[in-house]
Amino acid sequence: MKRYLIPLAVFIVLVVFLAIGLKLDPKHIPSPFIGKPAPQFDLPVLHNPQQRISTADLKGQVWLLNVWASWCVSCRAEHDVVKRFVAMGEAPVYGLNYKDKPEDGKGWLAALGNPYKASLMDINGDVGIDWGVYGVPETFVIDKEGIVRYKQVGPLTDSIVDEKIIPLLREINTEAG
């Protein structure tokens, strides 16, 4: 009898784990940075490499970090959404040009328009790794205290901006006000 119960118990455990896994949203990748200080950086600006911007320079304001690259097809798809968001004036967006050649990044922005307050160069991808970037595009919302409040894996869409990011920004500004 025991030799039948052990395989049955193992089967039941596997079925339970499978059922739990099927209920998870594969598009939702939790970030260990939510509610924690943003990883520090000090990077050169794409259009002016002698100028540098650090997370310390951005403290005291609510801002977004949009990780992009000229070789990224999804970045091209989200670019108009980023431009629309910037035009709304809710918060500045800083770009993180990830694992890209500076001339390619500059050309891409010249062709498609540059919505960024500044785009920072992360040529080797070290800062992306520090921020837990899985792939581009990704977008982070950082509050005035330098705390990561939201992470979007994958391209921004109008509905994500309108239903998640704008309400969060308004909530953050209400908390601070």
N, C-alpha and C. Protein backbone atom coordinates (compact mmCIF):
# COMPACT_ATOMS: atom_id res chain seq x y z
N MET A 1 0.82 -1.20 0.00
CA MET A 1 0.00 0.00 0.00
C MET A 1 0.87 1.26 0.00
N LYS A 2 2.00 1.24 0.76
CA LYS A 2 2.88 2.39 0.86
C LYS A 2 3.47 2.76 -0.49
N ARG A 3 3.78 1.78 -1.29
CA ARG A 3 4.41 2.08 -2.57
C ARG A 3 3.47 2.81 -3.52
N TYR A 4 2.17 2.78 -3.26
CA TYR A 4 1.21 3.53 -4.07
C TYR A 4 0.95 4.92 -3.49
N LEU A 5 1.06 5.05 -2.16
CA LEU A 5 0.78 6.33 -1.52
C LEU A 5 1.87 7.38 -1.78
N ILE A 6 3.12 6.97 -1.80
CA ILE A 6 4.21 7.93 -2.02
C ILE A 6 4.12 8.56 -3.41
N PRO A 7 3.98 7.79 -4.49
CA PRO A 7 3.82 8.42 -5.81
C PRO A 7 2.56 9.28 -5.90
N LEU A 8 1.49 8.85 -5.24
CA LEU A 8 0.26 9.64 -5.24
C LEU A 8 0.47 10.96 -4.53
N ALA A 9 1.17 10.96 -3.41
CA ALA A 9 1.45 12.19 -2.67
C ALA A 9 2.32 13.13 -3.51
N VAL A 10 3.34 12.59 -4.16
CA VAL A 10 4.20 13.40 -5.02
C VAL A 10 3.38 14.00 -6.16
N PHE A 11 2.51 13.21 -6.76
CA PHE A 11 1.64 13.69 -7.85
C PHE A 11 0.74 14.83 -7.37
N ILE A 12 0.16 14.68 -6.19
CA ILE A 12 -0.74 15.71 -5.66
C ILE A 12 0.04 17.01 -5.41
N VAL A 13 1.24 16.92 -4.87
CA VAL A 13 2.07 18.11 -4.64
C VAL A 13 2.39 18.80 -5.96
N LEU A 14 2.74 18.02 -6.98
CA LEU A 14 3.02 18.60 -8.30
C LEU A 14 1.81 19.30 -8.89
N VAL A 15 0.64 18.70 -8.75
CA VAL A 15 -0.60 19.30 -9.26
C VAL A 15 -0.87 20.62 -8.54
N VAL A 16 -0.64 20.67 -7.23
CA VAL A 16 -0.86 21.91 -6.48
C VAL A 16 0.08 23.01 -6.98
N PHE A 17 1.37 22.68 -7.15
CA PHE A 17 2.32 23.68 -7.66
C PHE A 17 1.96 24.13 -9.07
N LEU A 18 1.53 23.22 -9.91
CA LEU A 18 1.11 23.57 -11.26
C LEU A 18 -0.10 24.50 -11.23
N ALA A 19 -1.06 24.21 -10.38
CA ALA A 19 -2.26 25.05 -10.28
C ALA A 19 -1.89 26.46 -9.81
N ILE A 20 -0.99 26.56 -8.85
CA ILE A 20 -0.55 27.87 -8.37
C ILE A 20 0.16 28.61 -9.49
N GLY A 21 1.05 27.93 -10.20
CA GLY A 21 1.79 28.56 -11.29
C GLY A 21 0.90 29.04 -12.41
N LEU A 22 -0.18 28.33 -12.70
CA LEU A 22 -1.09 28.75 -13.77
C LEU A 22 -1.87 30.00 -13.42
N LYS A 23 -2.00 30.29 -12.13
CA LYS A 23 -2.73 31.49 -11.71
C LYS A 23 -1.86 32.74 -11.70
N LEU A 24 -0.53 32.59 -11.82
CA LEU A 24 0.37 33.74 -11.81
C LEU A 24 0.35 34.44 -13.16
N ASP A 25 0.51 35.76 -13.12
CA ASP A 25 0.58 36.56 -14.34
C ASP A 25 2.02 36.57 -14.85
N PRO A 26 2.29 35.97 -16.01
CA PRO A 26 3.67 35.91 -16.50
C PRO A 26 4.23 37.28 -16.88
N LYS A 27 3.37 38.28 -17.07
CA LYS A 27 3.84 39.62 -17.41
C LYS A 27 4.25 40.40 -16.18
N HIS A 28 3.83 39.93 -15.01
CA HIS A 28 4.16 40.63 -13.77
C HIS A 28 5.44 40.04 -13.20
N ILE A 29 6.48 40.83 -13.22
CA ILE A 29 7.76 40.43 -12.64
C ILE A 29 8.00 41.34 -11.45
N PRO A 30 7.89 40.80 -10.24
CA PRO A 30 8.05 41.67 -9.08
C PRO A 30 9.46 42.23 -8.99
N SER A 31 9.55 43.47 -8.55
CA SER A 31 10.85 44.11 -8.41
C SER A 31 11.21 44.21 -6.94
N PRO A 32 12.42 43.79 -6.58
CA PRO A 32 12.84 43.94 -5.18
C PRO A 32 13.11 45.39 -4.81
N PHE A 33 13.07 46.31 -5.80
CA PHE A 33 13.39 47.71 -5.54
C PHE A 33 12.17 48.54 -5.13
N ILE A 34 10.96 48.02 -5.34
CA ILE A 34 9.77 48.79 -5.00
C ILE A 34 9.78 49.07 -3.49
N GLY A 35 9.66 50.36 -3.16
CA GLY A 35 9.66 50.77 -1.76
C GLY A 35 11.06 50.94 -1.17
N LYS A 36 12.08 50.79 -1.99
CA LYS A 36 13.46 50.90 -1.52
C LYS A 36 14.17 52.02 -2.28
N PRO A 37 15.29 52.51 -1.74
CA PRO A 37 16.03 53.56 -2.45
C PRO A 37 16.49 53.10 -3.84
N ALA A 38 16.39 54.03 -4.78
CA ALA A 38 16.85 53.74 -6.14
C ALA A 38 18.34 53.47 -6.13
N PRO A 39 18.80 52.50 -6.89
CA PRO A 39 20.24 52.27 -7.00
C PRO A 39 20.95 53.52 -7.51
N GLN A 40 22.11 53.79 -6.97
CA GLN A 40 22.86 55.00 -7.30
C GLN A 40 23.54 54.89 -8.66
N PHE A 41 23.59 56.02 -9.34
CA PHE A 41 24.38 56.11 -10.57
C PHE A 41 24.95 57.50 -10.71
N ASP A 42 25.96 57.61 -11.52
CA ASP A 42 26.58 58.88 -11.90
C ASP A 42 27.06 58.64 -13.33
N LEU A 43 26.29 59.13 -14.30
CA LEU A 43 26.53 58.77 -15.70
C LEU A 43 26.68 59.99 -16.60
N PRO A 44 27.40 59.82 -17.71
CA PRO A 44 27.51 60.90 -18.69
C PRO A 44 26.21 61.04 -19.49
N VAL A 45 25.94 62.27 -19.88
CA VAL A 45 24.76 62.58 -20.69
C VAL A 45 25.07 62.25 -22.16
N LEU A 46 24.16 61.60 -22.83
CA LEU A 46 24.36 61.15 -24.21
C LEU A 46 24.77 62.28 -25.14
N HIS A 47 24.07 63.40 -25.07
CA HIS A 47 24.34 64.51 -25.99
C HIS A 47 25.44 65.45 -25.52
N ASN A 48 25.96 65.23 -24.31
CA ASN A 48 27.03 66.05 -23.77
C ASN A 48 27.81 65.22 -22.76
N PRO A 49 28.69 64.32 -23.22
CA PRO A 49 29.37 63.38 -22.32
C PRO A 49 30.20 64.03 -21.21
N GLN A 50 30.56 65.31 -21.36
CA GLN A 50 31.29 65.98 -20.29
C GLN A 50 30.38 66.28 -19.10
N GLN A 51 29.09 66.35 -19.34
CA GLN A 51 28.12 66.58 -18.27
C GLN A 51 27.70 65.23 -17.69
N ARG A 52 27.56 65.17 -16.39
CA ARG A 52 27.15 63.94 -15.73
C ARG A 52 25.91 64.22 -14.89
N ILE A 53 25.07 63.22 -14.74
CA ILE A 53 23.90 63.31 -13.87
C ILE A 53 23.93 62.09 -12.95
N SER A 54 23.64 62.35 -11.69
CA SER A 54 23.60 61.27 -10.70
C SER A 54 22.23 61.22 -10.05
N THR A 55 21.97 60.14 -9.35
CA THR A 55 20.72 60.04 -8.61
C THR A 55 20.64 61.14 -7.55
N ALA A 56 21.78 61.54 -7.00
CA ALA A 56 21.79 62.63 -6.01
C ALA A 56 21.28 63.93 -6.63
N ASP A 57 21.58 64.16 -7.92
CA ASP A 57 21.11 65.37 -8.60
C ASP A 57 19.59 65.38 -8.75
N LEU A 58 18.98 64.21 -8.76
CA LEU A 58 17.54 64.10 -9.03
C LEU A 58 16.70 64.04 -7.75
N LYS A 59 17.36 63.91 -6.61
CA LYS A 59 16.63 63.84 -5.34
C LYS A 59 15.89 65.16 -5.12
N GLY A 60 14.68 65.03 -4.58
CA GLY A 60 13.87 66.21 -4.34
C GLY A 60 12.82 66.43 -5.41
N GLN A 61 12.85 65.60 -6.44
CA GLN A 61 11.82 65.68 -7.48
C GLN A 61 11.31 64.28 -7.79
N VAL A 62 10.09 64.20 -8.27
CA VAL A 62 9.54 62.95 -8.77
C VAL A 62 9.99 62.84 -10.22
N TRP A 63 10.49 61.67 -10.61
CA TRP A 63 10.99 61.50 -11.97
C TRP A 63 10.83 60.06 -12.43
N LEU A 64 10.91 59.88 -13.73
CA LEU A 64 10.86 58.55 -14.32
C LEU A 64 12.19 58.25 -14.98
N LEU A 65 12.57 56.99 -14.93
CA LEU A 65 13.74 56.50 -15.66
C LEU A 65 13.22 55.51 -16.69
N ASN A 66 13.45 55.83 -17.97
CA ASN A 66 13.02 54.97 -19.06
C ASN A 66 14.25 54.35 -19.70
N VAL A 67 14.37 53.03 -19.60
CA VAL A 67 15.52 52.31 -20.14
C VAL A 67 15.19 51.95 -21.59
N TRP A 68 16.06 52.38 -22.50
CA TRP A 68 15.80 52.20 -23.93
C TRP A 68 17.11 51.94 -24.67
N ALA A 69 16.98 51.53 -25.93
CA ALA A 69 18.14 51.34 -26.81
C ALA A 69 17.69 51.48 -28.26
N SER A 70 18.60 51.92 -29.10
CA SER A 70 18.26 52.10 -30.52
C SER A 70 17.99 50.77 -31.21
N TRP A 71 18.54 49.68 -30.71
CA TRP A 71 18.36 48.36 -31.30
C TRP A 71 17.10 47.66 -30.82
N CYS A 72 16.35 48.29 -29.93
CA CYS A 72 15.18 47.69 -29.29
C CYS A 72 13.90 47.99 -30.07
N VAL A 73 13.29 46.96 -30.60
CA VAL A 73 12.06 47.11 -31.39
C VAL A 73 10.92 47.62 -30.50
N SER A 74 10.79 47.08 -29.30
CA SER A 74 9.71 47.52 -28.39
C SER A 74 9.88 48.96 -27.94
N CYS A 75 11.13 49.43 -27.89
CA CYS A 75 11.37 50.83 -27.52
C CYS A 75 10.79 51.76 -28.57
N ARG A 76 10.92 51.36 -29.82
CA ARG A 76 10.35 52.14 -30.92
C ARG A 76 8.82 52.18 -30.78
N ALA A 77 8.23 51.05 -30.39
CA ALA A 77 6.78 50.97 -30.23
C ALA A 77 6.29 51.87 -29.10
N GLU A 78 7.07 52.01 -28.03
CA GLU A 78 6.62 52.82 -26.89
C GLU A 78 7.00 54.30 -27.01
N HIS A 79 7.84 54.64 -27.96
CA HIS A 79 8.41 55.99 -28.01
C HIS A 79 7.35 57.09 -28.10
N ASP A 80 6.32 56.89 -28.90
CA ASP A 80 5.26 57.90 -28.99
C ASP A 80 4.51 58.05 -27.66
N VAL A 81 4.39 56.96 -26.92
CA VAL A 81 3.75 57.02 -25.60
C VAL A 81 4.61 57.84 -24.64
N VAL A 82 5.92 57.65 -24.68
CA VAL A 82 6.82 58.43 -23.84
C VAL A 82 6.71 59.91 -24.21
N LYS A 83 6.68 60.21 -25.51
CA LYS A 83 6.55 61.61 -25.94
C LYS A 83 5.23 62.21 -25.46
N ARG A 84 4.16 61.45 -25.54
CA ARG A 84 2.84 61.94 -25.08
C ARG A 84 2.88 62.19 -23.58
N PHE A 85 3.48 61.27 -22.83
CA PHE A 85 3.58 61.44 -21.39
C PHE A 85 4.36 62.71 -21.04
N VAL A 86 5.49 62.91 -21.68
CA VAL A 86 6.32 64.09 -21.41
C VAL A 86 5.53 65.37 -21.71
N ALA A 87 4.77 65.36 -22.79
CA ALA A 87 3.98 66.54 -23.16
C ALA A 87 2.93 66.87 -22.10
N MET A 88 2.51 65.88 -21.32
CA MET A 88 1.53 66.11 -20.26
C MET A 88 2.13 66.90 -19.09
N GLY A 89 3.43 66.88 -18.94
CA GLY A 89 4.11 67.65 -17.92
C GLY A 89 3.96 67.13 -16.50
N GLU A 90 3.64 65.87 -16.33
CA GLU A 90 3.44 65.32 -14.99
C GLU A 90 4.75 65.11 -14.23
N ALA A 91 5.81 64.72 -14.94
CA ALA A 91 7.11 64.48 -14.31
C ALA A 91 8.16 64.39 -15.41
N PRO A 92 9.39 64.78 -15.12
CA PRO A 92 10.44 64.64 -16.13
C PRO A 92 10.80 63.16 -16.33
N VAL A 93 11.19 62.85 -17.54
CA VAL A 93 11.63 61.49 -17.86
C VAL A 93 13.09 61.55 -18.27
N TYR A 94 13.90 60.77 -17.60
CA TYR A 94 15.31 60.63 -17.95
C TYR A 94 15.46 59.29 -18.65
N GLY A 95 16.19 59.30 -19.75
CA GLY A 95 16.44 58.06 -20.47
C GLY A 95 17.71 57.40 -19.98
N LEU A 96 17.72 56.09 -20.04
CA LEU A 96 18.94 55.33 -19.78
C LEU A 96 19.21 54.55 -21.06
N ASN A 97 20.13 55.07 -21.87
CA ASN A 97 20.49 54.44 -23.14
C ASN A 97 21.36 53.23 -22.83
N TYR A 98 20.75 52.06 -22.94
CA TYR A 98 21.27 50.80 -22.40
C TYR A 98 22.01 49.99 -23.46
N LYS A 99 23.29 49.69 -23.17
CA LYS A 99 24.11 48.83 -24.03
C LYS A 99 24.02 49.25 -25.50
N ASP A 100 24.23 50.52 -25.74
CA ASP A 100 24.06 51.08 -27.07
C ASP A 100 25.30 51.91 -27.42
N LYS A 101 25.56 52.04 -28.69
CA LYS A 101 26.62 52.94 -29.15
C LYS A 101 26.06 54.36 -29.10
N PRO A 102 26.83 55.31 -28.54
CA PRO A 102 26.32 56.68 -28.43
C PRO A 102 25.83 57.25 -29.76
N GLU A 103 26.55 57.00 -30.84
CA GLU A 103 26.12 57.55 -32.13
C GLU A 103 24.80 56.94 -32.59
N ASP A 104 24.56 55.66 -32.28
CA ASP A 104 23.28 55.03 -32.63
C ASP A 104 22.14 55.62 -31.81
N GLY A 105 22.38 55.83 -30.51
CA GLY A 105 21.36 56.42 -29.65
C GLY A 105 21.01 57.84 -30.09
N LYS A 106 22.03 58.63 -30.39
CA LYS A 106 21.78 60.01 -30.85
C LYS A 106 21.02 60.02 -32.17
N GLY A 107 21.39 59.14 -33.09
CA GLY A 107 20.69 59.06 -34.37
C GLY A 107 19.24 58.66 -34.21
N TRP A 108 19.00 57.71 -33.31
CA TRP A 108 17.64 57.24 -33.06
C TRP A 108 16.76 58.37 -32.53
N LEU A 109 17.30 59.13 -31.56
CA LEU A 109 16.55 60.26 -31.00
C LEU A 109 16.36 61.38 -32.02
N ALA A 110 17.36 61.59 -32.88
CA ALA A 110 17.23 62.62 -33.92
C ALA A 110 16.11 62.24 -34.90
N ALA A 111 16.00 60.97 -35.21
CA ALA A 111 14.99 60.51 -36.16
C ALA A 111 13.58 60.47 -35.56
N LEU A 112 13.48 60.05 -34.29
CA LEU A 112 12.15 59.83 -33.69
C LEU A 112 11.70 60.94 -32.76
N GLY A 113 12.61 61.84 -32.40
CA GLY A 113 12.29 62.89 -31.44
C GLY A 113 12.84 62.53 -30.07
N ASN A 114 13.28 63.53 -29.35
CA ASN A 114 13.91 63.31 -28.05
C ASN A 114 13.00 63.84 -26.94
N PRO A 115 12.28 62.95 -26.26
CA PRO A 115 11.39 63.41 -25.19
C PRO A 115 12.08 63.56 -23.84
N TYR A 116 13.33 63.14 -23.74
CA TYR A 116 13.98 63.03 -22.44
C TYR A 116 14.55 64.36 -21.95
N LYS A 117 14.43 64.57 -20.66
CA LYS A 117 15.09 65.72 -20.02
C LYS A 117 16.59 65.59 -20.27
N ALA A 118 17.08 64.36 -20.15
CA ALA A 118 18.45 63.99 -20.53
C ALA A 118 18.45 62.48 -20.69
N SER A 119 19.28 62.01 -21.58
CA SER A 119 19.46 60.57 -21.73
C SER A 119 20.88 60.25 -21.30
N LEU A 120 21.00 59.27 -20.44
CA LEU A 120 22.28 58.92 -19.84
C LEU A 120 22.83 57.67 -20.50
N MET A 121 24.15 57.60 -20.62
CA MET A 121 24.79 56.47 -21.30
C MET A 121 25.15 55.37 -20.31
N ASP A 122 24.64 54.18 -20.59
CA ASP A 122 24.99 52.97 -19.84
C ASP A 122 25.53 51.96 -20.86
N ILE A 123 26.69 52.28 -21.41
CA ILE A 123 27.25 51.53 -22.54
C ILE A 123 27.47 50.06 -22.19
N ASN A 124 27.98 49.76 -21.03
CA ASN A 124 28.27 48.38 -20.64
C ASN A 124 27.10 47.69 -19.96
N GLY A 125 26.06 48.43 -19.62
CA GLY A 125 24.89 47.85 -18.97
C GLY A 125 25.03 47.66 -17.47
N ASP A 126 26.07 48.24 -16.87
CA ASP A 126 26.29 48.06 -15.43
C ASP A 126 25.17 48.67 -14.59
N VAL A 127 24.72 49.86 -14.96
CA VAL A 127 23.65 50.52 -14.21
C VAL A 127 22.34 49.75 -14.40
N GLY A 128 22.10 49.27 -15.61
CA GLY A 128 20.92 48.44 -15.84
C GLY A 128 20.90 47.22 -14.93
N ILE A 129 22.04 46.61 -14.76
CA ILE A 129 22.14 45.45 -13.86
C ILE A 129 21.82 45.88 -12.43
N ASP A 130 22.40 47.01 -12.01
CA ASP A 130 22.13 47.51 -10.65
C ASP A 130 20.64 47.75 -10.42
N TRP A 131 19.95 48.20 -11.46
CA TRP A 131 18.52 48.50 -11.36
C TRP A 131 17.65 47.27 -11.59
N GLY A 132 18.25 46.12 -11.87
CA GLY A 132 17.47 44.90 -12.07
C GLY A 132 16.75 44.85 -13.39
N VAL A 133 17.34 45.46 -14.41
CA VAL A 133 16.71 45.49 -15.74
C VAL A 133 16.76 44.08 -16.34
N TYR A 134 15.60 43.58 -16.74
CA TYR A 134 15.50 42.27 -17.39
C TYR A 134 15.73 42.39 -18.88
N GLY A 135 15.32 43.50 -19.43
CA GLY A 135 15.43 43.77 -20.86
C GLY A 135 14.80 45.12 -21.13
N VAL A 136 15.05 45.64 -22.29
CA VAL A 136 14.49 46.96 -22.61
C VAL A 136 13.22 46.78 -23.43
N PRO A 137 12.30 47.70 -23.32
CA PRO A 137 12.27 48.85 -22.42
C PRO A 137 11.75 48.49 -21.03
N GLU A 138 12.16 49.28 -20.08
CA GLU A 138 11.63 49.23 -18.72
C GLU A 138 11.55 50.67 -18.22
N THR A 139 10.59 50.91 -17.36
CA THR A 139 10.39 52.26 -16.84
C THR A 139 10.18 52.20 -15.33
N PHE A 140 10.81 53.13 -14.63
CA PHE A 140 10.72 53.22 -13.17
C PHE A 140 10.16 54.59 -12.79
N VAL A 141 9.36 54.63 -11.73
CA VAL A 141 8.91 55.89 -11.14
C VAL A 141 9.63 56.02 -9.81
N ILE A 142 10.29 57.17 -9.62
CA ILE A 142 11.06 57.43 -8.40
C ILE A 142 10.49 58.68 -7.74
N ASP A 143 10.25 58.60 -6.43
CA ASP A 143 9.66 59.74 -5.72
C ASP A 143 10.73 60.74 -5.26
N LYS A 144 10.28 61.80 -4.58
CA LYS A 144 11.18 62.89 -4.17
C LYS A 144 12.25 62.44 -3.19
N GLU A 145 11.98 61.37 -2.48
CA GLU A 145 12.95 60.85 -1.50
C GLU A 145 13.94 59.88 -2.15
N GLY A 146 13.77 59.64 -3.46
CA GLY A 146 14.65 58.70 -4.15
C GLY A 146 14.23 57.25 -4.00
N ILE A 147 12.96 57.03 -3.68
CA ILE A 147 12.43 55.67 -3.50
C ILE A 147 11.75 55.22 -4.79
N VAL A 148 12.04 54.00 -5.22
CA VAL A 148 11.40 53.44 -6.40
C VAL A 148 9.96 53.07 -6.02
N ARG A 149 9.01 53.63 -6.74
CA ARG A 149 7.60 53.40 -6.42
C ARG A 149 6.89 52.49 -7.42
N TYR A 150 7.48 52.33 -8.61
CA TYR A 150 6.82 51.51 -9.64
C TYR A 150 7.85 51.08 -10.66
N LYS A 151 7.64 49.90 -11.22
CA LYS A 151 8.48 49.41 -12.31
C LYS A 151 7.58 48.79 -13.37
N GLN A 152 7.77 49.25 -14.59
CA GLN A 152 7.06 48.69 -15.74
C GLN A 152 8.06 47.90 -16.57
N VAL A 153 7.86 46.61 -16.66
CA VAL A 153 8.68 45.76 -17.53
C VAL A 153 7.98 45.69 -18.87
N GLY A 154 8.70 46.04 -19.92
CA GLY A 154 8.10 46.05 -21.25
C GLY A 154 7.65 47.45 -21.62
N PRO A 155 7.14 47.58 -22.83
CA PRO A 155 6.80 48.92 -23.32
C PRO A 155 5.65 49.58 -22.57
N LEU A 156 5.77 50.89 -22.39
CA LEU A 156 4.66 51.67 -21.88
C LEU A 156 3.56 51.71 -22.93
N THR A 157 2.34 51.71 -22.47
CA THR A 157 1.19 51.88 -23.35
C THR A 157 0.39 53.06 -22.82
N ASP A 158 -0.52 53.57 -23.64
CA ASP A 158 -1.38 54.66 -23.18
C ASP A 158 -2.16 54.25 -21.94
N SER A 159 -2.66 53.01 -21.89
CA SER A 159 -3.45 52.59 -20.74
C SER A 159 -2.58 52.48 -19.48
N ILE A 160 -1.34 52.02 -19.60
CA ILE A 160 -0.46 51.95 -18.44
C ILE A 160 -0.18 53.36 -17.92
N VAL A 161 0.09 54.28 -18.82
CA VAL A 161 0.33 55.67 -18.42
C VAL A 161 -0.91 56.24 -17.73
N ASP A 162 -2.07 56.09 -18.37
CA ASP A 162 -3.30 56.70 -17.86
C ASP A 162 -3.84 56.02 -16.60
N GLU A 163 -3.70 54.70 -16.50
CA GLU A 163 -4.32 53.96 -15.40
C GLU A 163 -3.38 53.66 -14.25
N LYS A 164 -2.08 53.67 -14.48
CA LYS A 164 -1.14 53.33 -13.40
C LYS A 164 -0.21 54.48 -13.06
N ILE A 165 0.49 55.01 -14.07
CA ILE A 165 1.54 55.98 -13.78
C ILE A 165 0.98 57.33 -13.36
N ILE A 166 0.04 57.88 -14.11
CA ILE A 166 -0.52 59.20 -13.76
C ILE A 166 -1.17 59.15 -12.37
N PRO A 167 -2.04 58.17 -12.07
CA PRO A 167 -2.60 58.13 -10.71
C PRO A 167 -1.52 57.99 -9.62
N LEU A 168 -0.48 57.21 -9.88
CA LEU A 168 0.59 57.07 -8.90
C LEU A 168 1.30 58.41 -8.70
N LEU A 169 1.61 59.10 -9.77
CA LEU A 169 2.27 60.40 -9.66
C LEU A 169 1.42 61.39 -8.86
N ARG A 170 0.14 61.38 -9.11
CA ARG A 170 -0.75 62.28 -8.36
C ARG A 170 -0.82 61.91 -6.89
N GLU A 171 -0.80 60.59 -6.62
CA GLU A 171 -0.77 60.13 -5.23
C GLU A 171 0.53 60.55 -4.55
N ILE A 172 1.64 60.38 -5.22
CA ILE A 172 2.94 60.78 -4.66
C ILE A 172 2.96 62.27 -4.36
N ASN A 173 2.47 63.07 -5.30
CA ASN A 173 2.48 64.52 -5.11
C ASN A 173 1.52 64.95 -4.00
N THR A 174 0.43 64.20 -3.81
CA THR A 174 -0.49 64.50 -2.71
C THR A 174 0.16 64.17 -1.37
N GLU A 175 0.88 63.04 -1.33
CA GLU A 175 1.60 62.64 -0.09
C GLU A 175 2.62 63.72 0.29
N ALA A 176 3.31 64.24 -0.73
CA ALA A 176 4.37 65.21 -0.46
C ALA A 176 3.81 66.59 -0.15
N GLY A 177 2.61 66.86 -0.62
CA GLY A 177 2.05 68.19 -0.47
C GLY A 177 1.33 68.35 0.80
